Amino acid sequence: MESLCLDVKGNNSVYFIICACYRSPTKCKPTDFLCSTTNSLELMYNTRKELIVIGDLNFDLLSDNSETIKFKEFCDQFQLSNSIHKPTRVT
């Protein structure tokens, strides 16, 4: 997984963390990604209660396989929502 996380100070001394991530579907297993990202986000959440996660995580949210279900549980855990609602790549 590749990621870059920034601790940002916004207006009125409001702090938040923005984390840009990319998970290669061929080099990073979904279970490894979810485990390491969960640990990282827990640390960041304990520092700042506001997190923004952006990027290409390469999960097929249109399927109901076990990897997708675990990813949706991961999103629920950190109150993350997906802003893309239709396929971005068709092969």
PDB file of N, CA and C in Angstrom:
ATOM      1  N   MET A   1       0.836  -1.170   0.000  1.00  0.00           N
ATOM      2  CA  MET A   1       0.000   0.000   0.000  1.00  0.00           C
ATOM      3  C   MET A   1       0.883   1.236   0.000  1.00  0.00           C
ATOM      4  N   GLU A   2       0.452   2.217  -0.715  1.00  0.00           N
ATOM      5  CA  GLU A   2       1.130   3.504  -0.716  1.00  0.00           C
ATOM      6  C   GLU A   2       0.199   4.507  -0.060  1.00  0.00           C
ATOM      7  N   SER A   3       0.746   5.344   0.802  1.00  0.00           N
ATOM      8  CA  SER A   3      -0.106   6.353   1.435  1.00  0.00           C
ATOM      9  C   SER A   3       0.712   7.569   1.846  1.00  0.00           C
ATOM     10  N   LEU A   4      -0.001   8.666   1.951  1.00  0.00           N
ATOM     11  CA  LEU A   4       0.564   9.917   2.434  1.00  0.00           C
ATOM     12  C   LEU A   4      -0.486  10.545   3.324  1.00  0.00           C
ATOM     13  N   CYS A   5      -0.116  10.816   4.564  1.00  0.00           N
ATOM     14  CA  CYS A   5      -1.057  11.382   5.518  1.00  0.00           C
ATOM     15  C   CYS A   5      -0.517  12.716   6.037  1.00  0.00           C
ATOM     16  N   LEU A   6      -1.420  13.691   6.103  1.00  0.00           N
ATOM     17  CA  LEU A   6      -1.033  15.027   6.555  1.00  0.00           C
ATOM     18  C   LEU A   6      -1.907  15.451   7.725  1.00  0.00           C
ATOM     19  N   ASP A   7      -1.284  16.042   8.724  1.00  0.00           N
ATOM     20  CA  ASP A   7      -1.994  16.642   9.843  1.00  0.00           C
ATOM     21  C   ASP A   7      -2.195  18.110   9.474  1.00  0.00           C
ATOM     22  N   VAL A   8      -3.455  18.510   9.281  1.00  0.00           N
ATOM     23  CA  VAL A   8      -3.771  19.829   8.738  1.00  0.00           C
ATOM     24  C   VAL A   8      -4.421  20.703   9.800  1.00  0.00           C
ATOM     25  N   LYS A   9      -3.981  21.964   9.839  1.00  0.00           N
ATOM     26  CA  LYS A   9      -4.630  22.959  10.693  1.00  0.00           C
ATOM     27  C   LYS A   9      -5.476  23.841   9.794  1.00  0.00           C
ATOM     28  N   GLY A  10      -6.780  23.783   9.991  1.00  0.00           N
ATOM     29  CA  GLY A  10      -7.700  24.582   9.191  1.00  0.00           C
ATOM     30  C   GLY A  10      -8.004  25.906   9.862  1.00  0.00           C
ATOM     31  N   ASN A  11      -9.068  26.541   9.417  1.00  0.00           N
ATOM     32  CA  ASN A  11      -9.503  27.813  10.000  1.00  0.00           C
ATOM     33  C   ASN A  11      -9.901  27.630  11.460  1.00  0.00           C
ATOM     34  N   ASN A  12      -9.722  28.658  12.235  1.00  0.00           N
ATOM     35  CA  ASN A  12     -10.117  28.656  13.653  1.00  0.00           C
ATOM     36  C   ASN A  12      -9.470  27.527  14.442  1.00  0.00           C
ATOM     37  N   SER A  13      -8.235  27.185  14.095  1.00  0.00           N
ATOM     38  CA  SER A  13      -7.472  26.144  14.793  1.00  0.00           C
ATOM     39  C   SER A  13      -8.179  24.785  14.814  1.00  0.00           C
ATOM     40  N   VAL A  14      -8.897  24.482  13.755  1.00  0.00           N
ATOM     41  CA  VAL A  14      -9.522  23.170  13.608  1.00  0.00           C
ATOM     42  C   VAL A  14      -8.498  22.249  12.952  1.00  0.00           C
ATOM     43  N   TYR A  15      -8.225  21.119  13.587  1.00  0.00           N
ATOM     44  CA  TYR A  15      -7.247  20.169  13.072  1.00  0.00           C
ATOM     45  C   TYR A  15      -7.940  18.940  12.514  1.00  0.00           C
ATOM     46  N   PHE A  16      -7.369  18.383  11.446  1.00  0.00           N
ATOM     47  CA  PHE A  16      -7.854  17.128  10.891  1.00  0.00           C
ATOM     48  C   PHE A  16      -6.701  16.448  10.161  1.00  0.00           C
ATOM     49  N   ILE A  17      -6.871  15.170   9.899  1.00  0.00           N
ATOM     50  CA  ILE A  17      -5.874  14.402   9.158  1.00  0.00           C
ATOM     51  C   ILE A  17      -6.488  13.989   7.835  1.00  0.00           C
ATOM     52  N   ILE A  18      -5.746  14.219   6.764  1.00  0.00           N
ATOM     53  CA  ILE A  18      -6.160  13.740   5.452  1.00  0.00           C
ATOM     54  C   ILE A  18      -5.137  12.702   5.001  1.00  0.00           C
ATOM     55  N   CYS A  19      -5.640  11.576   4.561  1.00  0.00           N
ATOM     56  CA  CYS A  19      -4.776  10.462   4.185  1.00  0.00           C
ATOM     57  C   CYS A  19      -5.141   9.994   2.781  1.00  0.00           C
ATOM     58  N   ALA A  20      -4.179  10.077   1.866  1.00  0.00           N
ATOM     59  CA  ALA A  20      -4.365   9.596   0.494  1.00  0.00           C
ATOM     60  C   ALA A  20      -3.723   8.220   0.377  1.00  0.00           C
ATOM     61  N   CYS A  21      -4.488   7.247  -0.102  1.00  0.00           N
ATOM     62  CA  CYS A  21      -4.024   5.856  -0.155  1.00  0.00           C
ATOM     63  C   CYS A  21      -4.219   5.255  -1.545  1.00  0.00           C
ATOM     64  N   TYR A  22      -3.341   4.335  -1.872  1.00  0.00           N
ATOM     65  CA  TYR A  22      -3.512   3.510  -3.070  1.00  0.00           C
ATOM     66  C   TYR A  22      -3.169   2.078  -2.693  1.00  0.00           C
ATOM     67  N   ARG A  23      -4.088   1.158  -3.043  1.00  0.00           N
ATOM     68  CA  ARG A  23      -3.826  -0.264  -2.832  1.00  0.00           C
ATOM     69  C   ARG A  23      -3.761  -0.931  -4.195  1.00  0.00           C
ATOM     70  N   SER A  24      -2.600  -1.457  -4.519  1.00  0.00           N
ATOM     71  CA  SER A  24      -2.437  -2.202  -5.769  1.00  0.00           C
ATOM     72  C   SER A  24      -3.155  -3.536  -5.630  1.00  0.00           C
ATOM     73  N   PRO A  25      -4.083  -3.843  -6.531  1.00  0.00           N
ATOM     74  CA  PRO A  25      -4.809  -5.111  -6.413  1.00  0.00           C
ATOM     75  C   PRO A  25      -3.925  -6.334  -6.626  1.00  0.00           C
ATOM     76  N   THR A  26      -2.772  -6.160  -7.254  1.00  0.00           N
ATOM     77  CA  THR A  26      -1.895  -7.303  -7.504  1.00  0.00           C
ATOM     78  C   THR A  26      -0.782  -7.439  -6.467  1.00  0.00           C
ATOM     79  N   LYS A  27      -0.472  -6.385  -5.744  1.00  0.00           N
ATOM     80  CA  LYS A  27       0.660  -6.434  -4.805  1.00  0.00           C
ATOM     81  C   LYS A  27       0.272  -6.395  -3.331  1.00  0.00           C
ATOM     82  N   CYS A  28      -0.955  -6.011  -3.043  1.00  0.00           N
ATOM     83  CA  CYS A  28      -1.375  -5.889  -1.642  1.00  0.00           C
ATOM     84  C   CYS A  28      -2.707  -6.611  -1.452  1.00  0.00           C
ATOM     85  N   LYS A  29      -2.680  -7.678  -0.661  1.00  0.00           N
ATOM     86  CA  LYS A  29      -3.899  -8.431  -0.394  1.00  0.00           C
ATOM     87  C   LYS A  29      -4.887  -7.573   0.390  1.00  0.00           C
ATOM     88  N   PRO A  30      -6.182  -7.716   0.116  1.00  0.00           N
ATOM     89  CA  PRO A  30      -7.169  -6.927   0.852  1.00  0.00           C
ATOM     90  C   PRO A  30      -7.086  -7.111   2.366  1.00  0.00           C
ATOM     91  N   THR A  31      -6.848  -8.342   2.831  1.00  0.00           N
ATOM     92  CA  THR A  31      -6.768  -8.567   4.283  1.00  0.00           C
ATOM     93  C   THR A  31      -5.565  -7.858   4.892  1.00  0.00           C
ATOM     94  N   ASP A  32      -4.428  -7.859   4.192  1.00  0.00           N
ATOM     95  CA  ASP A  32      -3.246  -7.145   4.684  1.00  0.00           C
ATOM     96  C   ASP A  32      -3.501  -5.639   4.721  1.00  0.00           C
ATOM     97  N   PHE A  33      -4.141  -5.134   3.670  1.00  0.00           N
ATOM     98  CA  PHE A  33      -4.461  -3.713   3.605  1.00  0.00           C
ATOM     99  C   PHE A  33      -5.365  -3.300   4.766  1.00  0.00           C
ATOM    100  N   LEU A  34      -6.444  -4.064   4.967  1.00  0.00           N
ATOM    101  CA  LEU A  34      -7.398  -3.705   6.024  1.00  0.00           C
ATOM    102  C   LEU A  34      -6.764  -3.759   7.401  1.00  0.00           C
ATOM    103  N   CYS A  35      -5.919  -4.747   7.651  1.00  0.00           N
ATOM    104  CA  CYS A  35      -5.255  -4.874   8.946  1.00  0.00           C
ATOM    105  C   CYS A  35      -4.319  -3.691   9.203  1.00  0.00           C
ATOM    106  N   SER A  36      -3.439  -3.402   8.263  1.00  0.00           N
ATOM    107  CA  SER A  36      -2.472  -2.320   8.480  1.00  0.00           C
ATOM    108  C   SER A  36      -3.152  -0.952   8.492  1.00  0.00           C
ATOM    109  N   THR A  37      -4.163  -0.769   7.656  1.00  0.00           N
ATOM    110  CA  THR A  37      -4.848   0.517   7.619  1.00  0.00           C
ATOM    111  C   THR A  37      -5.677   0.733   8.874  1.00  0.00           C
ATOM    112  N   THR A  38      -6.290  -0.316   9.379  1.00  0.00           N
ATOM    113  CA  THR A  38      -7.044  -0.192  10.634  1.00  0.00           C
ATOM    114  C   THR A  38      -6.129   0.271  11.760  1.00  0.00           C
ATOM    115  N   ASN A  39      -4.970  -0.351  11.874  1.00  0.00           N
ATOM    116  CA  ASN A  39      -4.023   0.045  12.922  1.00  0.00           C
ATOM    117  C   ASN A  39      -3.599   1.504  12.757  1.00  0.00           C
ATOM    118  N   SER A  40      -3.310   1.905  11.533  1.00  0.00           N
ATOM    119  CA  SER A  40      -2.873   3.283  11.279  1.00  0.00           C
ATOM    120  C   SER A  40      -3.982   4.286  11.577  1.00  0.00           C
ATOM    121  N   LEU A  41      -5.191   3.991  11.105  1.00  0.00           N
ATOM    122  CA  LEU A  41      -6.295   4.925  11.330  1.00  0.00           C
ATOM    123  C   LEU A  41      -6.672   5.032  12.803  1.00  0.00           C
ATOM    124  N   GLU A  42      -6.541   3.939  13.546  1.00  0.00           N
ATOM    125  CA  GLU A  42      -6.811   4.012  14.988  1.00  0.00           C
ATOM    126  C   GLU A  42      -5.841   4.976  15.660  1.00  0.00           C
ATOM    127  N   LEU A  43      -4.568   4.906  15.286  1.00  0.00           N
ATOM    128  CA  LEU A  43      -3.580   5.842  15.833  1.00  0.00           C
ATOM    129  C   LEU A  43      -3.913   7.279  15.450  1.00  0.00           C
ATOM    130  N   MET A  44      -4.245   7.494  14.191  1.00  0.00           N
ATOM    131  CA  MET A  44      -4.581   8.848  13.735  1.00  0.00           C
ATOM    132  C   MET A  44      -5.848   9.357  14.397  1.00  0.00           C
ATOM    133  N   TYR A  45      -6.845   8.488  14.540  1.00  0.00           N
ATOM    134  CA  TYR A  45      -8.102   8.897  15.166  1.00  0.00           C
ATOM    135  C   TYR A  45      -7.888   9.298  16.618  1.00  0.00           C
ATOM    136  N   ASN A  46      -7.000   8.618  17.302  1.00  0.00           N
ATOM    137  CA  ASN A  46      -6.708   8.976  18.691  1.00  0.00           C
ATOM    138  C   ASN A  46      -5.995  10.319  18.793  1.00  0.00           C
ATOM    139  N   THR A  47      -5.310  10.730  17.721  1.00  0.00           N
ATOM    140  CA  THR A  47      -4.640  12.029  17.688  1.00  0.00           C
ATOM    141  C   THR A  47      -5.622  13.126  17.302  1.00  0.00           C
ATOM    142  N   ARG A  48      -6.358  12.902  16.250  1.00  0.00           N
ATOM    143  CA  ARG A  48      -7.348  13.850  15.731  1.00  0.00           C
ATOM    144  C   ARG A  48      -8.632  13.077  15.487  1.00  0.00           C
ATOM    145  N   LYS A  49      -9.723  13.586  15.957  1.00  0.00           N
ATOM    146  CA  LYS A  49     -11.004  12.890  15.790  1.00  0.00           C
ATOM    147  C   LYS A  49     -11.569  13.027  14.380  1.00  0.00           C
ATOM    148  N   GLU A  50     -11.000  13.907  13.575  1.00  0.00           N
ATOM    149  CA  GLU A  50     -11.474  14.124  12.214  1.00  0.00           C
ATOM    150  C   GLU A  50     -10.490  13.517  11.218  1.00  0.00           C
ATOM    151  N   LEU A  51     -10.971  12.567  10.406  1.00  0.00           N
ATOM    152  CA  LEU A  51     -10.138  11.906   9.397  1.00  0.00           C
ATOM    153  C   LEU A  51     -10.816  11.997   8.037  1.00  0.00           C
ATOM    154  N   ILE A  52     -10.021  12.239   7.017  1.00  0.00           N
ATOM    155  CA  ILE A  52     -10.494  12.164   5.636  1.00  0.00           C
ATOM    156  C   ILE A  52      -9.570  11.182   4.921  1.00  0.00           C
ATOM    157  N   VAL A  53     -10.158  10.159   4.326  1.00  0.00           N
ATOM    158  CA  VAL A  53      -9.384   9.166   3.591  1.00  0.00           C
ATOM    159  C   VAL A  53      -9.814   9.247   2.127  1.00  0.00           C
ATOM    160  N   ILE A  54      -8.835   9.461   1.249  1.00  0.00           N
ATOM    161  CA  ILE A  54      -9.118   9.531  -0.179  1.00  0.00           C
ATOM    162  C   ILE A  54      -8.195   8.568  -0.910  1.00  0.00           C
ATOM    163  N   GLY A  55      -8.554   8.209  -2.114  1.00  0.00           N
ATOM    164  CA  GLY A  55      -7.658   7.389  -2.911  1.00  0.00           C
ATOM    165  C   GLY A  55      -8.364   6.276  -3.642  1.00  0.00           C
ATOM    166  N   ASP A  56      -7.577   5.400  -4.200  1.00  0.00           N
ATOM    167  CA  ASP A  56      -8.063   4.246  -4.945  1.00  0.00           C
ATOM    168  C   ASP A  56      -7.692   2.998  -4.158  1.00  0.00           C
ATOM    169  N   LEU A  57      -8.678   2.414  -3.500  1.00  0.00           N
ATOM    170  CA  LEU A  57      -8.422   1.266  -2.639  1.00  0.00           C
ATOM    171  C   LEU A  57      -8.713  -0.057  -3.345  1.00  0.00           C
ATOM    172  N   ASN A  58      -9.238   0.014  -4.557  1.00  0.00           N
ATOM    173  CA  ASN A  58      -9.463  -1.161  -5.403  1.00  0.00           C
ATOM    174  C   ASN A  58     -10.305  -2.254  -4.742  1.00  0.00           C
ATOM    175  N   PHE A  59     -11.464  -1.866  -4.249  1.00  0.00           N
ATOM    176  CA  PHE A  59     -12.458  -2.816  -3.769  1.00  0.00           C
ATOM    177  C   PHE A  59     -13.679  -2.688  -4.666  1.00  0.00           C
ATOM    178  N   ASP A  60     -14.251  -3.812  -5.074  1.00  0.00           N
ATOM    179  CA  ASP A  60     -15.446  -3.806  -5.904  1.00  0.00           C
ATOM    180  C   ASP A  60     -16.658  -3.749  -4.984  1.00  0.00           C
ATOM    181  N   LEU A  61     -17.191  -2.552  -4.796  1.00  0.00           N
ATOM    182  CA  LEU A  61     -18.307  -2.375  -3.871  1.00  0.00           C
ATOM    183  C   LEU A  61     -19.638  -2.835  -4.448  1.00  0.00           C
ATOM    184  N   LEU A  62     -19.653  -3.242  -5.709  1.00  0.00           N
ATOM    185  CA  LEU A  62     -20.878  -3.751  -6.309  1.00  0.00           C
ATOM    186  C   LEU A  62     -21.062  -5.247  -6.054  1.00  0.00           C
ATOM    187  N   SER A  63     -20.026  -5.907  -5.571  1.00  0.00           N
ATOM    188  CA  SER A  63     -20.133  -7.339  -5.276  1.00  0.00           C
ATOM    189  C   SER A  63     -20.352  -7.543  -3.783  1.00  0.00           C
ATOM    190  N   ASP A  64     -20.751  -8.742  -3.429  1.00  0.00           N
ATOM    191  CA  ASP A  64     -20.978  -9.078  -2.017  1.00  0.00           C
ATOM    192  C   ASP A  64     -20.031 -10.172  -1.552  1.00  0.00           C
ATOM    193  N   ASN A  65     -18.787 -10.147  -2.047  1.00  0.00           N
ATOM    194  CA  ASN A  65     -17.835 -11.167  -1.611  1.00  0.00           C
ATOM    195  C   ASN A  65     -17.297 -10.827  -0.218  1.00  0.00           C
ATOM    196  N   SER A  66     -16.563 -11.729   0.371  1.00  0.00           N
ATOM    197  CA  SER A  66     -16.103 -11.551   1.754  1.00  0.00           C
ATOM    198  C   SER A  66     -15.174 -10.349   1.900  1.00  0.00           C
ATOM    199  N   GLU A  67     -14.353 -10.075   0.876  1.00  0.00           N
ATOM    200  CA  GLU A  67     -13.444  -8.922   0.941  1.00  0.00           C
ATOM    201  C   GLU A  67     -14.233  -7.619   0.978  1.00  0.00           C
ATOM    202  N   THR A  68     -15.275  -7.530   0.164  1.00  0.00           N
ATOM    203  CA  THR A  68     -16.098  -6.333   0.123  1.00  0.00           C
ATOM    204  C   THR A  68     -16.843  -6.141   1.442  1.00  0.00           C
ATOM    205  N   ILE A  69     -17.354  -7.213   1.989  1.00  0.00           N
ATOM    206  CA  ILE A  69     -18.065  -7.129   3.268  1.00  0.00           C
ATOM    207  C   ILE A  69     -17.129  -6.637   4.367  1.00  0.00           C
ATOM    208  N   LYS A  70     -15.902  -7.159   4.403  1.00  0.00           N
ATOM    209  CA  LYS A  70     -14.927  -6.712   5.405  1.00  0.00           C
ATOM    210  C   LYS A  70     -14.553  -5.250   5.185  1.00  0.00           C
ATOM    211  N   PHE A  71     -14.454  -4.821   3.929  1.00  0.00           N
ATOM    212  CA  PHE A  71     -14.143  -3.418   3.640  1.00  0.00           C
ATOM    213  C   PHE A  71     -15.282  -2.509   4.104  1.00  0.00           C
ATOM    214  N   LYS A  72     -16.519  -2.921   3.880  1.00  0.00           N
ATOM    215  CA  LYS A  72     -17.668  -2.123   4.329  1.00  0.00           C
ATOM    216  C   LYS A  72     -17.698  -2.035   5.851  1.00  0.00           C
ATOM    217  N   GLU A  73     -17.342  -3.111   6.540  1.00  0.00           N
ATOM    218  CA  GLU A  73     -17.255  -3.085   8.007  1.00  0.00           C
ATOM    219  C   GLU A  73     -16.160  -2.133   8.462  1.00  0.00           C
ATOM    220  N   PHE A  74     -15.030  -2.136   7.747  1.00  0.00           N
ATOM    221  CA  PHE A  74     -13.930  -1.211   8.019  1.00  0.00           C
ATOM    222  C   PHE A  74     -14.418   0.230   7.890  1.00  0.00           C
ATOM    223  N   CYS A  75     -15.151   0.527   6.822  1.00  0.00           N
ATOM    224  CA  CYS A  75     -15.678   1.884   6.617  1.00  0.00           C
ATOM    225  C   CYS A  75     -16.645   2.265   7.733  1.00  0.00           C
ATOM    226  N   ASP A  76     -17.497   1.342   8.129  1.00  0.00           N
ATOM    227  CA  ASP A  76     -18.437   1.611   9.227  1.00  0.00           C
ATOM    228  C   ASP A  76     -17.701   1.903  10.526  1.00  0.00           C
ATOM    229  N   GLN A  77     -16.631   1.171  10.782  1.00  0.00           N
ATOM    230  CA  GLN A  77     -15.861   1.347  12.014  1.00  0.00           C
ATOM    231  C   GLN A  77     -15.342   2.777  12.161  1.00  0.00           C
ATOM    232  N   PHE A  78     -14.919   3.376  11.044  1.00  0.00           N
ATOM    233  CA  PHE A  78     -14.356   4.727  11.085  1.00  0.00           C
ATOM    234  C   PHE A  78     -15.322   5.776  10.536  1.00  0.00           C
ATOM    235  N   GLN A  79     -16.572   5.390  10.348  1.00  0.00           N
ATOM    236  CA  GLN A  79     -17.612   6.281   9.833  1.00  0.00           C
ATOM    237  C   GLN A  79     -17.183   6.927   8.513  1.00  0.00           C
ATOM    238  N   LEU A  80     -16.625   6.107   7.638  1.00  0.00           N
ATOM    239  CA  LEU A  80     -16.214   6.564   6.313  1.00  0.00           C
ATOM    240  C   LEU A  80     -17.314   6.231   5.316  1.00  0.00           C
ATOM    241  N   SER A  81     -17.473   7.085   4.320  1.00  0.00           N
ATOM    242  CA  SER A  81     -18.463   6.811   3.285  1.00  0.00           C
ATOM    243  C   SER A  81     -17.816   6.929   1.914  1.00  0.00           C
ATOM    244  N   ASN A  82     -18.349   6.180   0.977  1.00  0.00           N
ATOM    245  CA  ASN A  82     -17.841   6.170  -0.377  1.00  0.00           C
ATOM    246  C   ASN A  82     -18.554   7.251  -1.186  1.00  0.00           C
ATOM    247  N   SER A  83     -17.800   8.035  -1.934  1.00  0.00           N
ATOM    248  CA  SER A  83     -18.423   9.085  -2.742  1.00  0.00           C
ATOM    249  C   SER A  83     -18.610   8.669  -4.200  1.00  0.00           C
ATOM    250  N   ILE A  84     -18.112   7.503  -4.581  1.00  0.00           N
ATOM    251  CA  ILE A  84     -18.263   6.985  -5.941  1.00  0.00           C
ATOM    252  C   ILE A  84     -19.357   5.926  -5.914  1.00  0.00           C
ATOM    253  N   HIS A  85     -20.367   6.082  -6.767  1.00  0.00           N
ATOM    254  CA  HIS A  85     -21.515   5.170  -6.710  1.00  0.00           C
ATOM    255  C   HIS A  85     -21.742   4.365  -7.974  1.00  0.00           C
ATOM    256  N   LYS A  86     -20.848   4.496  -8.958  1.00  0.00           N
ATOM    257  CA  LYS A  86     -20.929   3.667 -10.147  1.00  0.00           C
ATOM    258  C   LYS A  86     -19.509   3.340 -10.597  1.00  0.00           C
ATOM    259  N   PRO A  87     -19.342   2.283 -11.364  1.00  0.00           N
ATOM    260  CA  PRO A  87     -17.991   1.864 -11.772  1.00  0.00           C
ATOM    261  C   PRO A  87     -17.207   2.993 -12.455  1.00  0.00           C
ATOM    262  N   THR A  88     -15.939   3.072 -12.112  1.00  0.00           N
ATOM    263  CA  THR A  88     -15.069   4.077 -12.733  1.00  0.00           C
ATOM    264  C   THR A  88     -14.217   3.471 -13.825  1.00  0.00           C
ATOM    265  N   ARG A  89     -14.211   2.157 -13.903  1.00  0.00           N
ATOM    266  CA  ARG A  89     -13.444   1.456 -14.931  1.00  0.00           C
ATOM    267  C   ARG A  89     -14.198   0.223 -15.371  1.00  0.00           C
ATOM    268  N   VAL A  90     -14.367   0.086 -16.658  1.00  0.00           N
ATOM    269  CA  VAL A  90     -15.061  -1.076 -17.201  1.00  0.00           C
ATOM    270  C   VAL A  90     -14.093  -1.777 -18.139  1.00  0.00           C
ATOM    271  N   THR A  91     -13.849  -3.078 -17.899  1.00  0.00           N
ATOM    272  CA  THR A  91     -12.925  -3.820 -18.761  1.00  0.00           C
ATOM    273  C   THR A  91     -13.640  -4.953 -19.459  1.00  0.00           C
TER     274      THR A  91
END
